[in-house]
N, C-alpha and C. Protein backbone atom coordinates (compact mmCIF):
# COMPACT_ATOMS: atom_id res chain seq x y z
N UNK A 1 101.62 90.42 96.07
CA UNK A 1 101.46 90.56 94.49
C UNK A 1 100.58 89.60 93.97
N UNK A 2 99.89 89.88 93.01
CA UNK A 2 98.83 89.15 92.36
C UNK A 2 99.18 88.79 90.87
N UNK A 3 98.54 89.37 89.91
CA UNK A 3 98.73 89.11 88.40
C UNK A 3 99.39 90.07 87.73
N UNK A 4 100.37 89.94 86.84
CA UNK A 4 100.97 90.79 85.88
C UNK A 4 100.58 90.40 84.59
N UNK A 5 100.18 91.29 83.75
CA UNK A 5 99.90 91.09 82.34
C UNK A 5 100.37 92.08 81.36
N UNK A 6 100.78 91.62 80.32
CA UNK A 6 101.51 92.44 79.40
C UNK A 6 100.84 92.54 78.01
N UNK A 7 100.49 93.68 77.48
CA UNK A 7 100.07 93.76 76.04
C UNK A 7 100.74 94.75 75.28
N UNK A 8 100.57 94.77 73.96
CA UNK A 8 101.30 95.58 73.00
C UNK A 8 100.07 96.29 72.31
N UNK A 9 100.39 97.53 71.92
CA UNK A 9 99.44 98.44 71.12
C UNK A 9 99.07 97.68 69.78
N UNK A 10 99.97 96.83 69.14
CA UNK A 10 99.72 96.14 68.12
C UNK A 10 98.62 95.05 68.24
N UNK A 11 98.87 94.26 69.35
CA UNK A 11 98.11 93.08 69.60
C UNK A 11 96.66 93.42 70.24
N UNK A 12 96.67 94.46 71.02
CA UNK A 12 95.43 94.80 71.80
C UNK A 12 95.03 93.72 72.55
N UNK A 13 95.66 92.68 73.05
CA UNK A 13 95.33 91.68 73.88
C UNK A 13 96.53 91.19 74.66
N UNK A 14 96.46 90.54 75.60
CA UNK A 14 97.50 90.08 76.52
C UNK A 14 98.33 89.07 75.57
N UNK A 15 99.62 89.14 75.93
CA UNK A 15 100.47 88.24 75.24
C UNK A 15 101.44 87.77 76.10
N UNK A 16 101.41 87.95 77.41
CA UNK A 16 102.28 87.47 78.45
C UNK A 16 101.52 87.85 79.78
N UNK A 17 101.64 86.82 80.65
CA UNK A 17 101.19 87.08 82.09
C UNK A 17 101.87 86.25 83.02
N UNK A 18 101.82 86.59 84.17
CA UNK A 18 102.59 85.91 85.45
C UNK A 18 101.61 85.89 86.64
N UNK A 19 100.97 84.80 87.14
CA UNK A 19 100.18 84.74 88.14
C UNK A 19 100.66 84.26 89.22
N UNK A 20 100.87 85.15 90.25
CA UNK A 20 101.62 84.89 91.58
C UNK A 20 100.55 85.11 92.66
N UNK A 21 99.26 84.94 92.58
CA UNK A 21 98.22 85.05 93.46
C UNK A 21 98.32 84.05 94.61
N UNK A 22 98.91 82.90 94.45
CA UNK A 22 99.23 81.66 95.40
C UNK A 22 100.62 81.54 95.56
N UNK A 23 101.15 81.29 96.70
CA UNK A 23 102.50 80.87 97.00
C UNK A 23 103.46 82.01 96.97
N UNK A 24 104.77 81.79 96.73
CA UNK A 24 105.73 82.79 96.72
C UNK A 24 105.66 83.49 95.23
N UNK A 25 106.11 84.64 95.30
CA UNK A 25 106.19 85.35 94.00
C UNK A 25 107.07 84.78 92.88
N UNK A 26 108.06 84.28 93.28
CA UNK A 26 108.93 83.65 92.31
C UNK A 26 108.67 82.25 91.75
N UNK A 27 107.49 81.82 92.40
CA UNK A 27 106.95 80.48 91.98
C UNK A 27 105.62 80.68 91.04
N UNK A 28 105.42 81.85 90.47
CA UNK A 28 104.21 82.00 89.88
C UNK A 28 103.99 81.34 88.59
N UNK A 29 102.76 81.24 88.07
CA UNK A 29 102.39 80.51 86.76
C UNK A 29 102.66 81.37 85.59
N UNK A 30 103.28 81.09 84.63
CA UNK A 30 103.78 81.85 83.49
C UNK A 30 102.53 81.37 82.35
N UNK A 31 102.35 82.44 81.54
CA UNK A 31 101.57 82.11 80.19
C UNK A 31 102.03 83.07 79.27
N UNK A 32 102.24 82.62 78.03
CA UNK A 32 102.57 83.27 76.93
C UNK A 32 101.86 83.09 75.59
N UNK A 33 101.51 83.95 74.80
CA UNK A 33 100.83 83.81 73.52
C UNK A 33 102.16 83.53 72.55
N UNK A 34 102.34 82.27 72.14
CA UNK A 34 103.55 81.85 71.41
C UNK A 34 103.57 82.56 70.08
N UNK A 35 102.31 82.84 69.64
CA UNK A 35 102.19 83.45 68.24
C UNK A 35 102.64 84.89 68.27
N UNK A 36 102.35 85.75 69.26
CA UNK A 36 102.48 87.22 69.35
C UNK A 36 103.90 87.42 69.27
N UNK A 37 104.75 86.86 70.21
CA UNK A 37 106.22 87.13 70.38
C UNK A 37 107.02 85.85 70.03
N UNK A 38 106.45 84.80 69.61
CA UNK A 38 107.11 83.76 68.94
C UNK A 38 108.02 83.18 70.05
N UNK A 39 107.46 83.05 71.38
CA UNK A 39 108.20 82.40 72.35
C UNK A 39 109.54 83.14 72.80
N UNK A 40 109.74 84.44 72.28
CA UNK A 40 110.96 85.26 72.69
C UNK A 40 110.83 86.05 73.92
N UNK A 41 109.62 85.98 74.57
CA UNK A 41 109.53 86.78 75.83
C UNK A 41 109.55 85.82 77.07
N UNK A 42 110.23 86.39 77.94
CA UNK A 42 110.26 85.61 79.32
C UNK A 42 110.20 86.71 80.41
N UNK A 43 109.43 86.36 81.41
CA UNK A 43 109.35 87.09 82.63
C UNK A 43 110.32 86.72 83.55
N UNK A 44 111.15 87.56 84.18
CA UNK A 44 112.04 87.32 85.15
C UNK A 44 111.72 88.04 86.58
N UNK A 45 110.95 87.21 87.45
CA UNK A 45 110.36 87.72 88.44
C UNK A 45 111.60 87.94 89.54
N UNK A 46 112.78 87.40 89.42
CA UNK A 46 113.85 87.66 90.57
C UNK A 46 114.58 88.83 90.21
N UNK A 47 114.48 89.47 89.13
CA UNK A 47 115.24 90.72 88.91
C UNK A 47 114.56 91.92 89.70
N UNK A 48 115.32 93.04 89.68
CA UNK A 48 114.76 94.17 90.54
C UNK A 48 114.82 95.44 89.70
N UNK A 49 113.83 95.89 89.22
CA UNK A 49 112.32 95.29 89.32
C UNK A 49 112.07 94.11 88.41
N UNK A 50 111.03 93.34 88.70
CA UNK A 50 110.71 92.17 87.85
C UNK A 50 110.69 92.76 86.30
N UNK A 51 111.14 91.85 85.43
CA UNK A 51 111.34 92.44 84.03
C UNK A 51 110.72 91.35 83.06
N UNK A 52 110.21 91.93 81.92
CA UNK A 52 109.86 91.03 80.85
C UNK A 52 110.89 91.36 79.81
N UNK A 53 111.74 90.22 79.57
CA UNK A 53 112.87 90.30 78.56
C UNK A 53 112.44 89.80 77.34
N UNK A 54 112.84 90.47 76.13
CA UNK A 54 112.49 90.06 74.76
C UNK A 54 113.79 89.76 74.12
N UNK A 55 114.07 88.35 73.70
CA UNK A 55 115.35 88.02 72.93
C UNK A 55 114.99 86.99 72.11
N UNK A 56 115.38 87.18 70.75
CA UNK A 56 115.89 88.29 70.04
C UNK A 56 114.92 89.48 69.84
N UNK A 57 115.28 90.83 69.80
CA UNK A 57 114.37 91.78 69.43
C UNK A 57 114.41 91.94 67.83
N UNK A 58 112.98 91.99 67.39
CA UNK A 58 112.97 92.45 65.90
C UNK A 58 112.43 93.86 65.54
N UNK A 59 112.65 94.26 64.40
CA UNK A 59 112.01 95.54 64.21
C UNK A 59 110.68 95.77 64.39
N UNK A 60 109.92 94.68 64.00
CA UNK A 60 108.41 94.80 64.28
C UNK A 60 107.91 94.75 65.57
N UNK A 61 108.83 94.53 66.64
CA UNK A 61 108.45 94.58 67.97
C UNK A 61 108.30 95.96 68.42
N UNK A 62 108.80 96.84 67.75
CA UNK A 62 108.65 98.37 68.15
C UNK A 62 107.25 98.72 68.47
N UNK A 63 106.88 99.45 69.51
CA UNK A 63 105.71 99.94 69.92
C UNK A 63 105.48 99.99 71.22
N UNK A 64 104.33 100.34 71.67
CA UNK A 64 103.89 100.62 72.95
C UNK A 64 103.49 99.42 73.68
N UNK A 65 104.12 99.12 74.96
CA UNK A 65 103.82 97.95 75.75
C UNK A 65 103.21 98.44 77.03
N UNK A 66 102.04 97.91 77.43
CA UNK A 66 101.52 98.03 78.74
C UNK A 66 101.60 97.07 79.73
N UNK A 67 102.08 97.27 80.85
CA UNK A 67 102.30 96.19 81.89
C UNK A 67 101.14 96.67 83.07
N UNK A 68 100.15 95.77 83.27
CA UNK A 68 99.21 95.90 84.29
C UNK A 68 99.49 94.98 85.46
N UNK A 69 99.55 95.37 86.72
CA UNK A 69 99.61 94.58 87.93
C UNK A 69 98.50 94.69 88.76
N UNK A 70 97.82 93.53 88.88
CA UNK A 70 96.60 93.50 89.79
C UNK A 70 97.06 92.84 91.12
N UNK A 71 96.93 93.75 92.21
CA UNK A 71 97.39 93.23 93.48
C UNK A 71 96.18 92.62 94.17
N UNK A 72 96.41 91.74 95.15
CA UNK A 72 95.45 91.11 95.92
C UNK A 72 94.68 92.05 96.94
N UNK A 73 95.49 92.97 97.52
CA UNK A 73 94.83 93.72 98.57
C UNK A 73 95.11 95.38 98.30
N UNK A 74 95.44 95.57 97.08
CA UNK A 74 95.67 97.12 96.68
C UNK A 74 95.09 97.28 95.34
N UNK A 75 94.81 98.77 94.97
CA UNK A 75 94.41 98.80 93.60
C UNK A 75 95.38 98.45 92.53
N UNK A 76 94.90 98.18 91.28
CA UNK A 76 95.90 97.84 90.19
C UNK A 76 96.80 98.81 89.82
N UNK A 77 97.92 98.73 89.21
CA UNK A 77 98.80 99.70 88.75
C UNK A 77 99.08 99.40 87.28
N UNK A 78 99.44 100.47 86.46
CA UNK A 78 99.77 100.31 85.09
C UNK A 78 101.00 100.95 84.69
N UNK A 79 101.81 100.43 84.00
CA UNK A 79 102.87 101.16 83.47
C UNK A 79 103.14 100.96 81.88
N UNK A 80 103.51 102.02 81.26
CA UNK A 80 103.50 102.09 79.85
C UNK A 80 104.95 102.28 79.35
N UNK A 81 105.38 101.48 78.41
CA UNK A 81 106.76 101.46 77.96
C UNK A 81 106.69 101.61 76.48
N UNK A 82 107.50 102.54 75.80
CA UNK A 82 107.54 102.76 74.37
C UNK A 82 108.89 102.03 73.95
N UNK A 83 108.92 100.95 73.11
CA UNK A 83 110.00 100.36 72.75
C UNK A 83 110.41 100.77 71.41
N UNK A 84 111.55 101.27 71.38
CA UNK A 84 112.17 101.64 70.04
C UNK A 84 113.30 100.82 69.66
N UNK A 85 113.14 100.19 68.58
CA UNK A 85 114.23 99.40 68.10
C UNK A 85 115.23 100.01 67.07
N UNK A 86 116.47 100.14 67.63
CA UNK A 86 117.49 100.91 66.79
C UNK A 86 118.00 100.16 65.61
N UNK A 87 118.57 98.92 65.95
CA UNK A 87 118.88 97.97 64.82
C UNK A 87 118.58 96.60 65.26
N UNK A 88 118.53 95.71 64.25
CA UNK A 88 118.35 94.25 64.51
C UNK A 88 119.62 93.51 64.56
């Protein structure tokens, strides 16, 4: 594994990343833009699949989120998630 980066369609910039280019995947280095998600996002590398959890969720969190994974020896992959907030 290499580097995971998350961004939202509202911010248009990274707001959370997890760097596992050195050592074990579960021992990666985390970075978060505290302003964008207010410290409510946390990456859980031990879940299957690894997950970005947002707690609590607010109505203005709704939108499209992109996860890009940069592998060391393979091409990067991208996943897009549309978060719909039903109630707060």
